[in-house]
Protein backbone atom coordinates (compact mmCIF):
# COMPACT_ATOMS: atom_id res chain seq x y z
CA MET A 1 -52.28 -57.48 -63.56
CA THR A 2 -48.88 -58.36 -62.12
CA GLU A 3 -48.22 -62.07 -61.73
CA LEU A 4 -46.93 -62.89 -58.24
CA LEU A 5 -47.08 -66.68 -57.91
CA LYS A 6 -47.28 -69.29 -60.64
CA LEU A 7 -47.32 -73.07 -60.41
CA GLU A 8 -46.58 -74.83 -63.71
CA LYS A 9 -47.34 -78.55 -64.06
CA VAL A 10 -46.38 -79.33 -60.47
CA TRP A 11 -46.25 -82.94 -59.31
CA SER A 12 -45.62 -83.90 -55.69
CA GLY A 13 -46.36 -86.52 -53.07
CA TYR A 14 -44.98 -88.67 -50.30
CA GLY A 15 -42.73 -91.57 -51.22
CA GLU A 16 -44.32 -93.37 -54.14
CA ALA A 17 -47.75 -91.83 -53.50
CA VAL A 18 -48.67 -89.03 -55.92
CA VAL A 19 -50.75 -86.31 -54.23
CA LEU A 20 -50.46 -83.40 -56.69
CA GLU A 21 -50.76 -84.25 -60.35
CA ASP A 22 -49.87 -81.75 -63.08
CA VAL A 23 -51.21 -78.72 -61.16
CA SER A 24 -50.96 -75.25 -62.73
CA LEU A 25 -52.17 -72.12 -60.96
CA THR A 26 -51.55 -68.37 -61.23
CA LEU A 27 -52.00 -65.81 -58.46
CA ASN A 28 -51.84 -62.14 -59.40
CA GLU A 29 -50.97 -59.33 -57.02
CA GLY A 30 -54.03 -58.31 -55.03
CA ASP A 31 -55.89 -61.60 -55.55
CA SER A 32 -57.61 -63.38 -52.69
CA LEU A 33 -57.85 -67.02 -53.72
CA SER A 34 -59.48 -69.85 -51.82
CA LEU A 35 -58.23 -73.37 -52.51
CA LEU A 36 -61.11 -75.78 -51.95
CA GLY A 37 -61.54 -79.53 -51.87
CA ARG A 38 -62.45 -82.47 -49.68
CA ASN A 39 -59.95 -83.74 -47.13
CA GLY A 40 -56.95 -85.54 -48.60
CA MET A 41 -57.15 -83.96 -52.05
CA GLY A 42 -53.77 -82.20 -51.98
CA LYS A 43 -54.52 -78.70 -50.67
CA THR A 44 -52.04 -78.68 -47.78
CA THR A 45 -49.52 -80.53 -49.95
CA MET A 46 -49.67 -77.65 -52.44
CA LEU A 47 -49.02 -75.08 -49.72
CA LYS A 48 -46.11 -77.14 -48.38
CA CYS A 49 -44.57 -77.23 -51.85
CA ILE A 50 -44.84 -73.45 -52.13
CA MET A 51 -43.20 -73.05 -48.72
CA GLY A 52 -40.45 -75.59 -49.42
CA LEU A 53 -41.58 -77.99 -46.72
CA LEU A 54 -42.16 -80.66 -49.36
CA ALA A 55 -40.31 -81.02 -52.65
CA ALA A 56 -42.04 -80.68 -55.97
CA LYS A 57 -41.04 -83.73 -57.97
CA ALA A 58 -41.69 -82.01 -61.28
CA GLY A 59 -42.78 -78.64 -62.59
CA GLN A 60 -41.99 -75.09 -61.52
CA ILE A 61 -43.09 -72.85 -58.65
CA LEU A 62 -42.37 -69.26 -59.65
CA TYR A 63 -42.55 -66.28 -57.28
CA GLU A 64 -41.97 -62.96 -59.03
CA GLY A 65 -40.45 -65.04 -61.81
CA GLN A 66 -37.94 -66.80 -59.52
CA ASP A 67 -38.15 -70.58 -59.27
CA LEU A 68 -38.68 -71.25 -55.57
CA ARG A 69 -37.40 -74.79 -55.86
CA SER A 70 -33.87 -73.36 -55.67
CA VAL A 71 -34.68 -71.36 -52.52
CA PRO A 72 -34.29 -73.15 -49.15
CA ALA A 73 -37.46 -73.24 -47.05
CA GLU A 74 -35.92 -71.08 -44.32
CA GLU A 75 -35.16 -68.35 -46.87
CA ARG A 76 -38.64 -68.05 -48.35
CA ALA A 77 -39.84 -65.79 -45.53
CA ARG A 78 -37.20 -63.27 -46.67
CA LEU A 79 -39.08 -63.09 -49.97
CA GLN A 80 -42.04 -61.68 -47.98
CA ILE A 81 -44.13 -64.84 -48.01
CA GLY A 82 -46.06 -65.18 -44.75
CA TYR A 83 -47.43 -68.63 -43.79
CA ALA A 84 -49.83 -69.69 -41.07
CA PRO A 85 -49.91 -73.52 -41.25
CA GLN A 86 -52.74 -75.88 -40.46
CA GLY A 87 -52.79 -76.56 -36.72
CA ARG A 88 -51.19 -73.12 -36.12
CA GLU A 89 -47.82 -74.56 -34.93
CA ILE A 90 -47.10 -71.75 -32.50
CA PHE A 91 -44.39 -72.25 -29.88
CA SER A 92 -46.46 -73.22 -26.86
CA GLN A 93 -43.71 -72.63 -24.27
CA LEU A 94 -42.84 -69.16 -25.58
CA SER A 95 -44.77 -66.01 -24.77
CA VAL A 96 -46.99 -64.27 -27.30
CA GLU A 97 -44.33 -61.59 -27.69
CA GLU A 98 -41.58 -64.16 -28.24
CA ASN A 99 -43.69 -65.94 -30.86
CA LEU A 100 -44.16 -62.67 -32.72
CA ARG A 101 -40.50 -61.68 -32.47
CA ILE A 102 -39.32 -64.94 -34.07
CA GLY A 103 -40.15 -63.58 -37.52
CA LEU A 104 -38.43 -60.21 -37.10
CA PRO A 105 -34.95 -61.27 -38.33
CA MET A 106 -36.57 -62.37 -41.61
CA ARG A 107 -38.03 -58.94 -42.35
CA LYS A 108 -36.80 -57.54 -45.62
CA LYS A 109 -36.55 -54.01 -44.24
CA GLY A 110 -34.56 -55.15 -41.23
CA ARG A 111 -36.58 -53.36 -38.55
CA ARG A 112 -36.77 -55.24 -35.28
CA GLU A 113 -40.03 -53.96 -33.78
CA ILE A 114 -43.32 -55.81 -33.94
CA PRO A 115 -45.51 -53.72 -36.27
CA ALA A 116 -48.18 -51.80 -34.37
CA ALA A 117 -50.69 -52.86 -37.02
CA ILE A 118 -50.58 -56.43 -35.64
CA PHE A 119 -52.05 -55.23 -32.34
CA GLU A 120 -54.60 -53.03 -34.11
CA MET A 121 -55.89 -56.06 -36.00
CA PHE A 122 -55.65 -58.46 -33.04
CA PRO A 123 -55.96 -56.40 -29.81
CA VAL A 124 -56.06 -59.59 -27.70
CA LEU A 125 -52.41 -60.25 -28.55
CA LYS A 126 -51.35 -56.96 -26.98
CA LYS A 127 -53.26 -57.81 -23.81
CA MET A 128 -51.59 -61.23 -23.63
CA LEU A 129 -48.01 -60.38 -24.63
CA ARG A 130 -46.52 -62.11 -21.59
CA ARG A 131 -48.78 -65.15 -21.66
CA ARG A 132 -47.46 -68.44 -23.02
CA GLY A 133 -48.75 -69.39 -26.43
CA GLY A 134 -49.93 -72.75 -25.14
CA ASP A 135 -52.20 -71.05 -22.62
CA LEU A 136 -54.24 -69.25 -25.29
CA SER A 137 -57.55 -70.48 -26.61
CA GLY A 138 -57.67 -72.02 -30.07
CA GLY A 139 -58.99 -68.81 -31.59
CA GLN A 140 -56.34 -66.73 -29.88
CA GLN A 141 -53.63 -69.13 -31.06
CA GLN A 142 -54.91 -68.73 -34.62
CA GLN A 143 -54.74 -64.96 -34.31
CA LEU A 144 -51.18 -65.36 -33.02
CA ALA A 145 -50.24 -67.60 -35.96
CA ILE A 146 -51.61 -65.07 -38.44
CA GLY A 147 -49.96 -62.21 -36.53
CA ARG A 148 -46.63 -64.05 -36.65
CA ALA A 149 -46.97 -64.37 -40.45
CA LEU A 150 -47.85 -60.66 -40.74
CA VAL A 151 -44.77 -59.61 -38.76
CA LEU A 152 -42.86 -60.15 -42.01
CA GLU A 153 -44.99 -57.49 -43.72
CA PRO A 154 -45.58 -60.05 -46.48
CA ARG A 155 -46.59 -59.49 -50.06
CA LEU A 156 -48.19 -62.97 -50.11
CA LEU A 157 -50.07 -64.37 -47.11
CA ILE A 158 -50.75 -68.13 -47.13
CA LEU A 159 -53.30 -69.47 -44.63
CA ASP A 160 -54.07 -73.17 -44.17
CA GLU A 161 -57.50 -73.74 -42.58
CA PRO A 162 -57.58 -70.44 -40.62
CA THR A 163 -61.06 -71.14 -39.22
CA GLU A 164 -60.53 -74.76 -38.14
CA GLY A 165 -61.86 -75.41 -34.62
CA ILE A 166 -62.49 -71.74 -33.85
CA GLN A 167 -65.51 -70.08 -32.24
CA PRO A 168 -67.76 -68.12 -34.67
CA ASN A 169 -67.02 -64.63 -33.31
CA ILE A 170 -63.27 -65.05 -33.87
CA VAL A 171 -63.92 -66.59 -37.31
CA HIS A 172 -65.73 -63.36 -38.17
CA GLU A 173 -62.87 -61.23 -36.80
CA ILE A 174 -60.31 -63.17 -38.85
CA GLY A 175 -62.49 -62.67 -41.93
CA ASP A 176 -62.57 -58.92 -41.24
CA VAL A 177 -58.76 -58.86 -41.02
CA ILE A 178 -58.30 -60.78 -44.29
CA LEU A 179 -60.73 -58.45 -46.08
CA ARG A 180 -58.99 -55.37 -44.71
CA LEU A 181 -55.53 -56.63 -45.67
CA ASN A 182 -56.63 -57.63 -49.16
CA ARG A 183 -58.98 -54.81 -50.12
CA GLU A 184 -57.42 -51.86 -48.30
CA GLN A 185 -53.73 -52.79 -48.39
CA GLY A 186 -53.63 -54.90 -51.54
CA LEU A 187 -52.11 -57.94 -49.81
CA THR A 188 -52.29 -61.09 -51.95
CA VAL A 189 -53.95 -63.96 -50.06
CA LEU A 190 -53.97 -67.72 -50.72
CA LEU A 191 -56.01 -69.75 -48.28
CA VAL A 192 -57.18 -73.30 -47.87
CA GLU A 193 -60.66 -73.29 -46.39
CA GLN A 194 -63.41 -75.82 -45.68
CA LYS A 195 -66.12 -73.39 -44.55
CA LEU A 196 -67.81 -72.27 -47.77
CA PRO A 197 -69.53 -69.18 -46.29
CA PHE A 198 -66.13 -67.94 -45.07
CA ALA A 199 -64.46 -68.67 -48.42
CA ARG A 200 -67.24 -66.87 -50.28
CA ARG A 201 -66.90 -63.88 -47.96
CA VAL A 202 -63.14 -63.32 -48.13
CA ALA A 203 -62.06 -64.73 -51.51
CA SER A 204 -62.39 -63.18 -54.95
CA GLU A 205 -61.26 -66.35 -56.76
CA PHE A 206 -61.51 -70.10 -56.15
CA ARG A 207 -59.75 -73.24 -57.29
CA ILE A 208 -60.94 -76.79 -56.53
CA LEU A 209 -58.61 -79.74 -56.06
CA ASP A 210 -59.97 -83.26 -56.47
CA LYS A 211 -57.58 -86.21 -56.13
CA GLY A 212 -54.60 -83.95 -56.75
CA ARG A 213 -55.94 -82.34 -59.91
CA LEU A 214 -57.48 -78.92 -60.45
CA VAL A 215 -61.08 -79.48 -61.51
CA GLY A 216 -62.68 -76.06 -61.01
CA ALA A 217 -61.61 -72.42 -61.20
CA GLY A 218 -63.00 -68.93 -61.53
CA PRO A 219 -64.37 -65.91 -59.70
CA ILE A 220 -65.91 -66.88 -56.35
CA ALA A 221 -69.33 -65.85 -57.68
CA ASN A 222 -69.05 -68.77 -60.12
CA LEU A 223 -68.78 -71.36 -57.33
CA THR A 224 -72.11 -72.97 -58.15
CA ASP A 225 -74.16 -75.39 -56.09
CA ALA A 226 -73.47 -78.01 -58.75
CA LEU A 227 -69.70 -77.67 -58.28
CA VAL A 228 -70.14 -77.82 -54.52
CA ARG A 229 -72.22 -81.02 -54.76
CA GLN A 230 -69.81 -82.65 -57.21
CA HIS A 231 -66.49 -81.85 -55.56
CA LEU A 232 -66.97 -80.52 -52.03
CA THR A 233 -69.84 -82.21 -50.23
CA VAL A 234 -69.02 -85.29 -48.19
């Protein structure tokens, strides 16, 4: 297995508040890993550290052996890391096409066309190219956010709560896309997810964060009811 992403003893937080505490995690090429935990346990904080949106106060974040802490946030997309943040954060006043084109200058190969595969995976985006992002439904906005991340043709796709507030049929479609990208194209996926059936469907591995510490790890088949009761149920 080829190691793609590695966190080594990472600490982070906001001001004096520690949110991540001595977290180590390895993601190999082709993995699909679901990061689980109750609200406020550090999952989004971890993703922000990887993307450079929040500084790691200690430890290393290695991507293909390079310490990302020396790479500005705006340059990490050039390393073929695609990110769809929690809340989607699309540009509501821009059209669907303009939202998708924003990522094109960051493409490693330099091509300036939106990949046709985006519209194959999310046909609704092709139908709504001229529509403003803010006029889309929540599910359509999520598809746009994922499509925008895929424009980079990433090697690592990071998704923060991709099913949050979305109707079940689109949740299923997004799951189909993640499975296709991971199993057929070998794309490495790291996602934060609250819906356990979705996580079990699309992920091959899991990690559990509890109060900023990793407390559970393994193949998704080993996510037992006991672990769920102890660390995930509210």
